[in-house]
PDB file of N, CA and C in Angstrom:
ATOM      1  N   THR A   1      13.694   2.846   0.093  1.00  0.00           N
ATOM      2  CA  THR A   1      12.972   2.611   1.328  1.00  0.00           C
ATOM      3  C   THR A   1      11.497   2.928   1.139  1.00  0.00           C
ATOM      4  N   SER A   2      10.687   2.399   1.998  1.00  0.00           N
ATOM      5  CA  SER A   2       9.247   2.598   1.861  1.00  0.00           C
ATOM      6  C   SER A   2       8.715   3.712   2.753  1.00  0.00           C
ATOM      7  N   LYS A   3       9.603   4.368   3.482  1.00  0.00           N
ATOM      8  CA  LYS A   3       9.171   5.444   4.380  1.00  0.00           C
ATOM      9  C   LYS A   3       9.719   6.787   3.910  1.00  0.00           C
ATOM     10  N   LEU A   4       8.902   7.818   4.058  1.00  0.00           N
ATOM     11  CA  LEU A   4       9.343   9.165   3.724  1.00  0.00           C
ATOM     12  C   LEU A   4      10.318   9.669   4.783  1.00  0.00           C
ATOM     13  N   PHE A   5       9.978   9.446   6.044  1.00  0.00           N
ATOM     14  CA  PHE A   5      10.828   9.884   7.151  1.00  0.00           C
ATOM     15  C   PHE A   5      11.547   8.670   7.724  1.00  0.00           C
ATOM     16  N   GLN A   6      12.859   8.710   7.703  1.00  0.00           N
ATOM     17  CA  GLN A   6      13.658   7.555   8.101  1.00  0.00           C
ATOM     18  C   GLN A   6      13.775   7.429   9.616  1.00  0.00           C
ATOM     19  N   ASP A   7      13.796   6.203  10.073  1.00  0.00           N
ATOM     20  CA  ASP A   7      13.922   5.860  11.482  1.00  0.00           C
ATOM     21  C   ASP A   7      15.232   5.088  11.645  1.00  0.00           C
ATOM     22  N   PRO A   8      16.244   5.697  12.283  1.00  0.00           N
ATOM     23  CA  PRO A   8      17.542   5.023  12.435  1.00  0.00           C
ATOM     24  C   PRO A   8      17.449   3.648  13.099  1.00  0.00           C
ATOM     25  N   THR A   9      16.517   3.498  14.047  1.00  0.00           N
ATOM     26  CA  THR A   9      16.343   2.209  14.714  1.00  0.00           C
ATOM     27  C   THR A   9      15.865   1.155  13.725  1.00  0.00           C
ATOM     28  N   LEU A  10      14.937   1.543  12.870  1.00  0.00           N
ATOM     29  CA  LEU A  10      14.417   0.615  11.869  1.00  0.00           C
ATOM     30  C   LEU A  10      15.488   0.263  10.842  1.00  0.00           C
ATOM     31  N   ILE A  11      16.276   1.245  10.450  1.00  0.00           N
ATOM     32  CA  ILE A  11      17.368   0.997   9.505  1.00  0.00           C
ATOM     33  C   ILE A  11      18.342  -0.020  10.092  1.00  0.00           C
ATOM     34  N   GLN A  12      18.643   0.131  11.371  1.00  0.00           N
ATOM     35  CA  GLN A  12      19.543  -0.812  12.042  1.00  0.00           C
ATOM     36  C   GLN A  12      18.921  -2.212  12.070  1.00  0.00           C
ATOM     37  N   LYS A  13      17.622  -2.283  12.343  1.00  0.00           N
ATOM     38  CA  LYS A  13      16.921  -3.568  12.401  1.00  0.00           C
ATOM     39  C   LYS A  13      17.008  -4.302  11.055  1.00  0.00           C
ATOM     40  N   PHE A  14      16.855  -3.555   9.953  1.00  0.00           N
ATOM     41  CA  PHE A  14      16.919  -4.169   8.627  1.00  0.00           C
ATOM     42  C   PHE A  14      18.312  -4.712   8.325  1.00  0.00           C
ATOM     43  N   GLY A  15      19.315  -4.240   9.034  1.00  0.00           N
ATOM     44  CA  GLY A  15      20.675  -4.722   8.830  1.00  0.00           C
ATOM     45  C   GLY A  15      21.014  -5.961   9.636  1.00  0.00           C
ATOM     46  N   GLU A  16      20.148  -6.339  10.563  1.00  0.00           N
ATOM     47  CA  GLU A  16      20.388  -7.524  11.385  1.00  0.00           C
ATOM     48  C   GLU A  16      20.102  -8.780  10.561  1.00  0.00           C
ATOM     49  N   GLY A  17      21.024  -9.729  10.626  1.00  0.00           N
ATOM     50  CA  GLY A  17      20.973 -10.916   9.781  1.00  0.00           C
ATOM     51  C   GLY A  17      19.656 -11.660   9.754  1.00  0.00           C
ATOM     52  N   GLU A  18      19.144 -12.041  10.913  1.00  0.00           N
ATOM     53  CA  GLU A  18      17.925 -12.852  10.958  1.00  0.00           C
ATOM     54  C   GLU A  18      16.729 -12.090  10.375  1.00  0.00           C
ATOM     55  N   PHE A  19      16.593 -10.826  10.763  1.00  0.00           N
ATOM     56  CA  PHE A  19      15.486 -10.014  10.244  1.00  0.00           C
ATOM     57  C   PHE A  19      15.637  -9.802   8.739  1.00  0.00           C
ATOM     58  N   ALA A  20      16.841  -9.451   8.311  1.00  0.00           N
ATOM     59  CA  ALA A  20      17.095  -9.194   6.886  1.00  0.00           C
ATOM     60  C   ALA A  20      16.799 -10.432   6.047  1.00  0.00           C
ATOM     61  N   ASP A  21      17.203 -11.605   6.523  1.00  0.00           N
ATOM     62  CA  ASP A  21      16.937 -12.846   5.793  1.00  0.00           C
ATOM     63  C   ASP A  21      15.433 -13.110   5.673  1.00  0.00           C
ATOM     64  N   ALA A  22      14.716 -12.956   6.789  1.00  0.00           N
ATOM     65  CA  ALA A  22      13.272 -13.207   6.780  1.00  0.00           C
ATOM     66  C   ALA A  22      12.552 -12.232   5.854  1.00  0.00           C
ATOM     67  N   PHE A  23      12.919 -10.965   5.938  1.00  0.00           N
ATOM     68  CA  PHE A  23      12.282  -9.950   5.099  1.00  0.00           C
ATOM     69  C   PHE A  23      12.586 -10.202   3.623  1.00  0.00           C
ATOM     70  N   ALA A  24      13.815 -10.560   3.327  1.00  0.00           N
ATOM     71  CA  ALA A  24      14.208 -10.837   1.943  1.00  0.00           C
ATOM     72  C   ALA A  24      13.436 -12.031   1.383  1.00  0.00           C
ATOM     73  N   ARG A  25      13.226 -13.057   2.202  1.00  0.00           N
ATOM     74  CA  ARG A  25      12.459 -14.221   1.745  1.00  0.00           C
ATOM     75  C   ARG A  25      11.027 -13.831   1.388  1.00  0.00           C
ATOM     76  N   ILE A  26      10.406 -13.035   2.250  1.00  0.00           N
ATOM     77  CA  ILE A  26       9.027 -12.597   1.996  1.00  0.00           C
ATOM     78  C   ILE A  26       8.960 -11.770   0.718  1.00  0.00           C
ATOM     79  N   GLU A  27       9.865 -10.812   0.585  1.00  0.00           N
ATOM     80  CA  GLU A  27       9.874  -9.946  -0.602  1.00  0.00           C
ATOM     81  C   GLU A  27      10.117 -10.759  -1.874  1.00  0.00           C
ATOM     82  N   CYS A  28      11.072 -11.662  -1.832  1.00  0.00           N
ATOM     83  CA  CYS A  28      11.365 -12.494  -3.009  1.00  0.00           C
ATOM     84  C   CYS A  28      10.159 -13.348  -3.385  1.00  0.00           C
ATOM     85  N   HIS A  29       9.514 -13.943  -2.392  1.00  0.00           N
ATOM     86  CA  HIS A  29       8.332 -14.769  -2.647  1.00  0.00           C
ATOM     87  C   HIS A  29       7.242 -13.938  -3.323  1.00  0.00           C
ATOM     88  N   TYR A  30       7.027 -12.734  -2.827  1.00  0.00           N
ATOM     89  CA  TYR A  30       6.015 -11.833  -3.390  1.00  0.00           C
ATOM     90  C   TYR A  30       6.341 -11.487  -4.842  1.00  0.00           C
ATOM     91  N   PHE A  31       7.570 -11.077  -5.105  1.00  0.00           N
ATOM     92  CA  PHE A  31       7.924 -10.623  -6.448  1.00  0.00           C
ATOM     93  C   PHE A  31       8.084 -11.762  -7.453  1.00  0.00           C
ATOM     94  N   VAL A  32       8.569 -12.917  -7.004  1.00  0.00           N
ATOM     95  CA  VAL A  32       8.666 -14.071  -7.900  1.00  0.00           C
ATOM     96  C   VAL A  32       7.265 -14.482  -8.364  1.00  0.00           C
ATOM     97  N   ASN A  33       6.280 -14.265  -7.507  1.00  0.00           N
ATOM     98  CA  ASN A  33       4.896 -14.603  -7.829  1.00  0.00           C
ATOM     99  C   ASN A  33       4.117 -13.415  -8.395  1.00  0.00           C
ATOM    100  N   LYS A  34       4.846 -12.412  -8.866  1.00  0.00           N
ATOM    101  CA  LYS A  34       4.264 -11.235  -9.525  1.00  0.00           C
ATOM    102  C   LYS A  34       3.176 -10.579  -8.687  1.00  0.00           C
ATOM    103  N   GLY A  35       3.416 -10.521  -7.381  1.00  0.00           N
ATOM    104  CA  GLY A  35       2.452  -9.891  -6.486  1.00  0.00           C
ATOM    105  C   GLY A  35       1.141 -10.651  -6.381  1.00  0.00           C
ATOM    106  N   PHE A  36       1.144 -11.879  -6.838  1.00  0.00           N
ATOM    107  CA  PHE A  36      -0.028 -12.752  -6.832  1.00  0.00           C
ATOM    108  C   PHE A  36      -1.154 -12.224  -7.714  1.00  0.00           C
ATOM    109  N   PHE A  37      -0.790 -11.399  -8.692  1.00  0.00           N
ATOM    110  CA  PHE A  37      -1.730 -10.935  -9.711  1.00  0.00           C
ATOM    111  C   PHE A  37      -1.308 -11.523 -11.042  1.00  0.00           C
ATOM    112  N   GLU A  38      -2.267 -12.033 -11.781  1.00  0.00           N
ATOM    113  CA  GLU A  38      -1.978 -12.596 -13.096  1.00  0.00           C
ATOM    114  C   GLU A  38      -3.122 -12.236 -14.021  1.00  0.00           C
ATOM    115  N   PRO A  39      -3.005 -11.403 -14.943  1.00  0.00           N
ATOM    116  CA  PRO A  39      -1.821 -10.621 -15.307  1.00  0.00           C
ATOM    117  C   PRO A  39      -1.628  -9.435 -14.363  1.00  0.00           C
ATOM    118  N   GLU A  40      -0.622  -8.625 -14.652  1.00  0.00           N
ATOM    119  CA  GLU A  40      -0.259  -7.515 -13.773  1.00  0.00           C
ATOM    120  C   GLU A  40      -1.428  -6.556 -13.527  1.00  0.00           C
ATOM    121  N   ASP A  41      -2.276  -6.341 -14.510  1.00  0.00           N
ATOM    122  CA  ASP A  41      -3.394  -5.404 -14.361  1.00  0.00           C
ATOM    123  C   ASP A  41      -4.699  -6.109 -13.970  1.00  0.00           C
ATOM    124  N   GLN A  42      -4.588  -7.223 -13.298  1.00  0.00           N
ATOM    125  CA  GLN A  42      -5.749  -8.028 -12.919  1.00  0.00           C
ATOM    126  C   GLN A  42      -6.775  -7.226 -12.126  1.00  0.00           C
ATOM    127  N   LEU A  43      -6.328  -6.418 -11.182  1.00  0.00           N
ATOM    128  CA  LEU A  43      -7.260  -5.644 -10.361  1.00  0.00           C
ATOM    129  C   LEU A  43      -8.054  -4.660 -11.220  1.00  0.00           C
ATOM    130  N   LEU A  44      -7.375  -3.927 -12.082  1.00  0.00           N
ATOM    131  CA  LEU A  44      -8.071  -2.967 -12.941  1.00  0.00           C
ATOM    132  C   LEU A  44      -9.015  -3.670 -13.918  1.00  0.00           C
ATOM    133  N   ARG A  45      -8.591  -4.789 -14.463  1.00  0.00           N
ATOM    134  CA  ARG A  45      -9.437  -5.534 -15.410  1.00  0.00           C
ATOM    135  C   ARG A  45     -10.706  -6.064 -14.760  1.00  0.00           C
ATOM    136  N   ASN A  46     -10.613  -6.390 -13.487  1.00  0.00           N
ATOM    137  CA  ASN A  46     -11.732  -7.026 -12.792  1.00  0.00           C
ATOM    138  C   ASN A  46     -12.393  -6.127 -11.759  1.00  0.00           C
ATOM    139  N   VAL A  47     -12.178  -4.833 -11.853  1.00  0.00           N
ATOM    140  CA  VAL A  47     -12.715  -3.911 -10.855  1.00  0.00           C
ATOM    141  C   VAL A  47     -14.243  -3.973 -10.789  1.00  0.00           C
ATOM    142  N   ASP A  48     -14.901  -4.346 -11.867  1.00  0.00           N
ATOM    143  CA  ASP A  48     -16.364  -4.462 -11.849  1.00  0.00           C
ATOM    144  C   ASP A  48     -16.845  -5.441 -10.782  1.00  0.00           C
ATOM    145  N   ARG A  49     -16.016  -6.399 -10.452  1.00  0.00           N
ATOM    146  CA  ARG A  49     -16.389  -7.400  -9.444  1.00  0.00           C
ATOM    147  C   ARG A  49     -16.444  -6.820  -8.031  1.00  0.00           C
ATOM    148  N   ILE A  50     -15.768  -5.709  -7.806  1.00  0.00           N
ATOM    149  CA  ILE A  50     -15.735  -5.140  -6.451  1.00  0.00           C
ATOM    150  C   ILE A  50     -16.417  -3.782  -6.356  1.00  0.00           C
ATOM    151  N   LYS A  51     -16.962  -3.269  -7.452  1.00  0.00           N
ATOM    152  CA  LYS A  51     -17.556  -1.929  -7.445  1.00  0.00           C
ATOM    153  C   LYS A  51     -18.674  -1.778  -6.424  1.00  0.00           C
ATOM    154  N   SER A  52     -19.377  -2.841  -6.114  1.00  0.00           N
ATOM    155  CA  SER A  52     -20.481  -2.752  -5.158  1.00  0.00           C
ATOM    156  C   SER A  52     -20.005  -2.817  -3.705  1.00  0.00           C
ATOM    157  N   ILE A  53     -18.730  -3.062  -3.508  1.00  0.00           N
ATOM    158  CA  ILE A  53     -18.164  -3.147  -2.160  1.00  0.00           C
ATOM    159  C   ILE A  53     -17.603  -1.780  -1.786  1.00  0.00           C
ATOM    160  N   PRO A  54     -18.012  -1.224  -0.642  1.00  0.00           N
ATOM    161  CA  PRO A  54     -17.432   0.061  -0.232  1.00  0.00           C
ATOM    162  C   PRO A  54     -15.927  -0.086  -0.031  1.00  0.00           C
ATOM    163  N   GLY A  55     -15.182   0.912  -0.470  1.00  0.00           N
ATOM    164  CA  GLY A  55     -13.732   0.835  -0.343  1.00  0.00           C
ATOM    165  C   GLY A  55     -13.083   2.186  -0.166  1.00  0.00           C
ATOM    166  N   VAL A  56     -11.902   2.155   0.391  1.00  0.00           N
ATOM    167  CA  VAL A  56     -11.082   3.351   0.571  1.00  0.00           C
ATOM    168  C   VAL A  56      -9.686   3.013   0.066  1.00  0.00           C
ATOM    169  N   ILE A  57      -9.158   3.858  -0.792  1.00  0.00           N
ATOM    170  CA  ILE A  57      -7.806   3.702  -1.325  1.00  0.00           C
ATOM    171  C   ILE A  57      -6.930   4.709  -0.598  1.00  0.00           C
ATOM    172  N   VAL A  58      -5.961   4.239   0.169  1.00  0.00           N
ATOM    173  CA  VAL A  58      -5.054   5.124   0.912  1.00  0.00           C
ATOM    174  C   VAL A  58      -3.709   5.102   0.202  1.00  0.00           C
ATOM    175  N   GLN A  59      -3.237   6.275  -0.188  1.00  0.00           N
ATOM    176  CA  GLN A  59      -2.013   6.401  -0.978  1.00  0.00           C
ATOM    177  C   GLN A  59      -1.097   7.455  -0.372  1.00  0.00           C
ATOM    178  N   GLY A  60       0.145   7.090  -0.107  1.00  0.00           N
ATOM    179  CA  GLY A  60       1.142   8.061   0.329  1.00  0.00           C
ATOM    180  C   GLY A  60       1.634   8.870  -0.867  1.00  0.00           C
ATOM    181  N   ARG A  61       1.690  10.174  -0.722  1.00  0.00           N
ATOM    182  CA  ARG A  61       2.092  11.065  -1.821  1.00  0.00           C
ATOM    183  C   ARG A  61       3.479  10.719  -2.360  1.00  0.00           C
ATOM    184  N   TYR A  62       4.375  10.297  -1.483  1.00  0.00           N
ATOM    185  CA  TYR A  62       5.753  10.008  -1.885  1.00  0.00           C
ATOM    186  C   TYR A  62       6.049   8.510  -1.916  1.00  0.00           C
ATOM    187  N   ASP A  63       5.031   7.705  -2.170  1.00  0.00           N
ATOM    188  CA  ASP A  63       5.195   6.253  -2.253  1.00  0.00           C
ATOM    189  C   ASP A  63       5.913   5.911  -3.557  1.00  0.00           C
ATOM    190  N   VAL A  64       7.112   5.360  -3.447  1.00  0.00           N
ATOM    191  CA  VAL A  64       7.848   4.942  -4.644  1.00  0.00           C
ATOM    192  C   VAL A  64       7.699   3.440  -4.899  1.00  0.00           C
ATOM    193  N   VAL A  65       7.076   2.724  -3.969  1.00  0.00           N
ATOM    194  CA  VAL A  65       6.832   1.295  -4.141  1.00  0.00           C
ATOM    195  C   VAL A  65       5.591   1.092  -5.018  1.00  0.00           C
ATOM    196  N   CYS A  66       4.522   1.775  -4.653  1.00  0.00           N
ATOM    197  CA  CYS A  66       3.279   1.780  -5.437  1.00  0.00           C
ATOM    198  C   CYS A  66       3.028   3.228  -5.838  1.00  0.00           C
ATOM    199  N   PRO A  67       3.426   3.629  -7.024  1.00  0.00           N
ATOM    200  CA  PRO A  67       3.338   5.034  -7.424  1.00  0.00           C
ATOM    201  C   PRO A  67       1.907   5.573  -7.414  1.00  0.00           C
ATOM    202  N   MET A  68       1.811   6.880  -7.255  1.00  0.00           N
ATOM    203  CA  MET A  68       0.524   7.564  -7.194  1.00  0.00           C
ATOM    204  C   MET A  68      -0.368   7.205  -8.383  1.00  0.00           C
ATOM    205  N   VAL A  69       0.220   7.034  -9.545  1.00  0.00           N
ATOM    206  CA  VAL A  69      -0.576   6.729 -10.739  1.00  0.00           C
ATOM    207  C   VAL A  69      -1.369   5.432 -10.562  1.00  0.00           C
ATOM    208  N   SER A  70      -0.854   4.499  -9.797  1.00  0.00           N
ATOM    209  CA  SER A  70      -1.573   3.241  -9.567  1.00  0.00           C
ATOM    210  C   SER A  70      -2.863   3.486  -8.797  1.00  0.00           C
ATOM    211  N   ALA A  71      -2.780   4.278  -7.740  1.00  0.00           N
ATOM    212  CA  ALA A  71      -3.974   4.609  -6.955  1.00  0.00           C
ATOM    213  C   ALA A  71      -4.952   5.425  -7.791  1.00  0.00           C
ATOM    214  N   TRP A  72      -4.434   6.355  -8.579  1.00  0.00           N
ATOM    215  CA  TRP A  72      -5.278   7.204  -9.418  1.00  0.00           C
ATOM    216  C   TRP A  72      -6.025   6.360 -10.460  1.00  0.00           C
ATOM    217  N   GLU A  73      -5.323   5.447 -11.125  1.00  0.00           N
ATOM    218  CA  GLU A  73      -5.968   4.591 -12.125  1.00  0.00           C
ATOM    219  C   GLU A  73      -7.027   3.694 -11.488  1.00  0.00           C
ATOM    220  N   LEU A  74      -6.739   3.182 -10.301  1.00  0.00           N
ATOM    221  CA  LEU A  74      -7.727   2.364  -9.597  1.00  0.00           C
ATOM    222  C   LEU A  74      -8.951   3.200  -9.246  1.00  0.00           C
ATOM    223  N   HIS A  75      -8.726   4.407  -8.757  1.00  0.00           N
ATOM    224  CA  HIS A  75      -9.853   5.276  -8.399  1.00  0.00           C
ATOM    225  C   HIS A  75     -10.673   5.664  -9.638  1.00  0.00           C
ATOM    226  N   GLN A  76     -10.022   5.897 -10.755  1.00  0.00           N
ATOM    227  CA  GLN A  76     -10.750   6.214 -11.994  1.00  0.00           C
ATOM    228  C   GLN A  76     -11.618   5.032 -12.427  1.00  0.00           C
ATOM    229  N   ALA A  77     -11.114   3.831 -12.246  1.00  0.00           N
ATOM    230  CA  ALA A  77     -11.871   2.633 -12.604  1.00  0.00           C
ATOM    231  C   ALA A  77     -12.928   2.286 -11.557  1.00  0.00           C
ATOM    232  N   TRP A  78     -12.723   2.769 -10.328  1.00  0.00           N
ATOM    233  CA  TRP A  78     -13.605   2.451  -9.190  1.00  0.00           C
ATOM    234  C   TRP A  78     -13.954   3.755  -8.474  1.00  0.00           C
ATOM    235  N   PRO A  79     -14.719   4.643  -9.115  1.00  0.00           N
ATOM    236  CA  PRO A  79     -15.013   5.949  -8.524  1.00  0.00           C
ATOM    237  C   PRO A  79     -15.859   5.867  -7.256  1.00  0.00           C
ATOM    238  N   GLU A  80     -16.497   4.725  -7.031  1.00  0.00           N
ATOM    239  CA  GLU A  80     -17.277   4.551  -5.804  1.00  0.00           C
ATOM    240  C   GLU A  80     -16.374   4.508  -4.575  1.00  0.00           C
ATOM    241  N   ALA A  81     -15.129   4.155  -4.763  1.00  0.00           N
ATOM    242  CA  ALA A  81     -14.171   4.100  -3.647  1.00  0.00           C
ATOM    243  C   ALA A  81     -13.670   5.505  -3.345  1.00  0.00           C
ATOM    244  N   GLU A  82     -13.413   5.748  -2.090  1.00  0.00           N
ATOM    245  CA  GLU A  82     -12.838   7.029  -1.668  1.00  0.00           C
ATOM    246  C   GLU A  82     -11.320   6.957  -1.835  1.00  0.00           C
ATOM    247  N   LEU A  83     -10.731   7.994  -2.395  1.00  0.00           N
ATOM    248  CA  LEU A  83      -9.273   8.074  -2.531  1.00  0.00           C
ATOM    249  C   LEU A  83      -8.745   9.074  -1.520  1.00  0.00           C
ATOM    250  N   ILE A  84      -7.856   8.617  -0.664  1.00  0.00           N
ATOM    251  CA  ILE A  84      -7.202   9.484   0.318  1.00  0.00           C
ATOM    252  C   ILE A  84      -5.720   9.513  -0.017  1.00  0.00           C
ATOM    253  N   VAL A  85      -5.206  10.699  -0.271  1.00  0.00           N
ATOM    254  CA  VAL A  85      -3.780  10.877  -0.518  1.00  0.00           C
ATOM    255  C   VAL A  85      -3.183  11.511   0.729  1.00  0.00           C
ATOM    256  N   VAL A  86      -2.259  10.810   1.342  1.00  0.00           N
ATOM    257  CA  VAL A  86      -1.587  11.315   2.546  1.00  0.00           C
ATOM    258  C   VAL A  86      -0.389  12.132   2.074  1.00  0.00           C
ATOM    259  N   PRO A  87      -0.408  13.451   2.325  1.00  0.00           N
ATOM    260  CA  PRO A  87       0.597  14.335   1.725  1.00  0.00           C
ATOM    261  C   PRO A  87       2.027  14.138   2.215  1.00  0.00           C
ATOM    262  N   ASP A  88       2.195  13.650   3.433  1.00  0.00           N
ATOM    263  CA  ASP A  88       3.545  13.533   3.997  1.00  0.00           C
ATOM    264  C   ASP A  88       3.873  12.085   4.342  1.00  0.00           C
ATOM    265  N   ALA A  89       3.711  11.205   3.351  1.00  0.00           N
ATOM    266  CA  ALA A  89       3.959   9.785   3.616  1.00  0.00           C
ATOM    267  C   ALA A  89       4.457   9.084   2.361  1.00  0.00           C
ATOM    268  N   GLY A  90       5.146   7.976   2.612  1.00  0.00           N
ATOM    269  CA  GLY A  90       5.576   7.093   1.544  1.00  0.00           C
ATOM    270  C   GLY A  90       4.655   5.889   1.494  1.00  0.00           C
ATOM    271  N   HIS A  91       5.233   4.699   1.500  1.00  0.00           N
ATOM    272  CA  HIS A  91       4.489   3.454   1.319  1.00  0.00           C
ATOM    273  C   HIS A  91       4.099   2.789   2.640  1.00  0.00           C
ATOM    274  N   SER A  92       4.902   2.944   3.648  1.00  0.00           N
ATOM    275  CA  SER A  92       4.775   2.156   4.871  1.00  0.00           C
ATOM    276  C   SER A  92       3.554   2.522   5.706  1.00  0.00           C
ATOM    277  N   MET A  93       2.840   1.491   6.144  1.00  0.00           N
ATOM    278  CA  MET A  93       1.713   1.742   7.037  1.00  0.00           C
ATOM    279  C   MET A  93       2.178   2.152   8.434  1.00  0.00           C
ATOM    280  N   ALA A  94       3.466   2.074   8.684  1.00  0.00           N
ATOM    281  CA  ALA A  94       4.009   2.519   9.966  1.00  0.00           C
ATOM    282  C   ALA A  94       4.140   4.040  10.028  1.00  0.00           C
ATOM    283  N   GLU A  95       4.017   4.714   8.887  1.00  0.00           N
ATOM    284  CA  GLU A  95       4.094   6.172   8.904  1.00  0.00           C
ATOM    285  C   GLU A  95       2.815   6.722   9.528  1.00  0.00           C
ATOM    286  N   PRO A  96       2.937   7.747  10.364  1.00  0.00           N
ATOM    287  CA  PRO A  96       1.772   8.263  11.100  1.00  0.00           C
ATOM    288  C   PRO A  96       0.578   8.619  10.214  1.00  0.00           C
ATOM    289  N   GLY A  97       0.794   9.296   9.103  1.00  0.00           N
ATOM    290  CA  GLY A  97      -0.319   9.693   8.247  1.00  0.00           C
ATOM    291  C   GLY A  97      -1.031   8.517   7.603  1.00  0.00           C
ATOM    292  N   ILE A  98      -0.268   7.537   7.158  1.00  0.00           N
ATOM    293  CA  ILE A  98      -0.856   6.333   6.558  1.00  0.00           C
ATOM    294  C   ILE A  98      -1.631   5.563   7.617  1.00  0.00           C
ATOM    295  N   ARG A  99      -1.006   5.370   8.771  1.00  0.00           N
ATOM    296  CA  ARG A  99      -1.664   4.639   9.860  1.00  0.00           C
ATOM    297  C   ARG A  99      -2.980   5.305  10.238  1.00  0.00           C
ATOM    298  N   SER A 100      -2.973   6.630  10.403  1.00  0.00           N
ATOM    299  CA  SER A 100      -4.195   7.361  10.771  1.00  0.00           C
ATOM    300  C   SER A 100      -5.278   7.204   9.710  1.00  0.00           C
ATOM    301  N   ALA A 101      -4.888   7.327   8.441  1.00  0.00           N
ATOM    302  CA  ALA A 101      -5.867   7.203   7.353  1.00  0.00           C
ATOM    303  C   ALA A 101      -6.451   5.795   7.301  1.00  0.00           C
ATOM    304  N   LEU A 102      -5.630   4.783   7.528  1.00  0.00           N
ATOM    305  CA  LEU A 102      -6.125   3.407   7.511  1.00  0.00           C
ATOM    306  C   LEU A 102      -7.077   3.141   8.677  1.00  0.00           C
ATOM    307  N   ILE A 103      -6.732   3.661   9.846  1.00  0.00           N
ATOM    308  CA  ILE A 103      -7.608   3.484  11.012  1.00  0.00           C
ATOM    309  C   ILE A 103      -8.928   4.211  10.790  1.00  0.00           C
ATOM    310  N   GLU A 104      -8.858   5.445  10.300  1.00  0.00           N
ATOM    311  CA  GLU A 104     -10.074   6.216  10.027  1.00  0.00           C
ATOM    312  C   GLU A 104     -10.940   5.507   8.985  1.00  0.00           C
ATOM    313  N   ALA A 105     -10.326   4.996   7.944  1.00  0.00           N
ATOM    314  CA  ALA A 105     -11.076   4.276   6.907  1.00  0.00           C
ATOM    315  C   ALA A 105     -11.735   3.029   7.482  1.00  0.00           C
ATOM    316  N   THR A 106     -10.999   2.307   8.306  1.00  0.00           N
ATOM    317  CA  THR A 106     -11.539   1.093   8.923  1.00  0.00           C
ATOM    318  C   THR A 106     -12.695   1.426   9.852  1.00  0.00           C
ATOM    319  N   ASP A 107     -12.537   2.489  10.636  1.00  0.00           N
ATOM    320  CA  ASP A 107     -13.585   2.887  11.578  1.00  0.00           C
ATOM    321  C   ASP A 107     -14.896   3.226  10.874  1.00  0.00           C
ATOM    322  N   LYS A 108     -14.834   3.724   9.651  1.00  0.00           N
ATOM    323  CA  LYS A 108     -16.054   4.055   8.898  1.00  0.00           C
ATOM    324  C   LYS A 108     -16.919   2.825   8.659  1.00  0.00           C
ATOM    325  N   PHE A 109     -16.301   1.664   8.634  1.00  0.00           N
ATOM    326  CA  PHE A 109     -17.028   0.443   8.319  1.00  0.00           C
ATOM    327  C   PHE A 109     -17.506  -0.306   9.564  1.00  0.00           C
ATOM    328  N   LEU A 110     -17.270   0.266  10.738  1.00  0.00           N
ATOM    329  CA  LEU A 110     -17.679  -0.405  11.971  1.00  0.00           C
ATOM    330  C   LEU A 110     -19.183  -0.358  12.191  1.00  0.00           C
ATOM    331  N   THR A 111     -19.833   0.657  11.656  1.00  0.00           N
ATOM    332  CA  THR A 111     -21.278   0.789  11.910  1.00  0.00           C
ATOM    333  C   THR A 111     -22.108   0.323  10.746  1.00  0.00           C
TER     334      THR A 111
END
């Protein structure tokens, strides 16, 4: 699962046929296309192209979908970006800590 703290309602939703089919199609499309990166390390190889763009990397400490090492390697290659590690979160932006960090990061760019 992509969440550190499980939500029984969400678990039930993922078991419903129509939702499960739609979600599976999206996930399969993403993974069959290798996450739309070619090659796999495309972002790290081309980080020079985005170094001048302000950025924030938000990473859940317990994210098993995108492991911490991925965010760390990106931050090492792009030190101009701010790295925020949310200590009590997994991968999902629905988790309170991830959501708050994303909103805070977005708000920084409003002015």
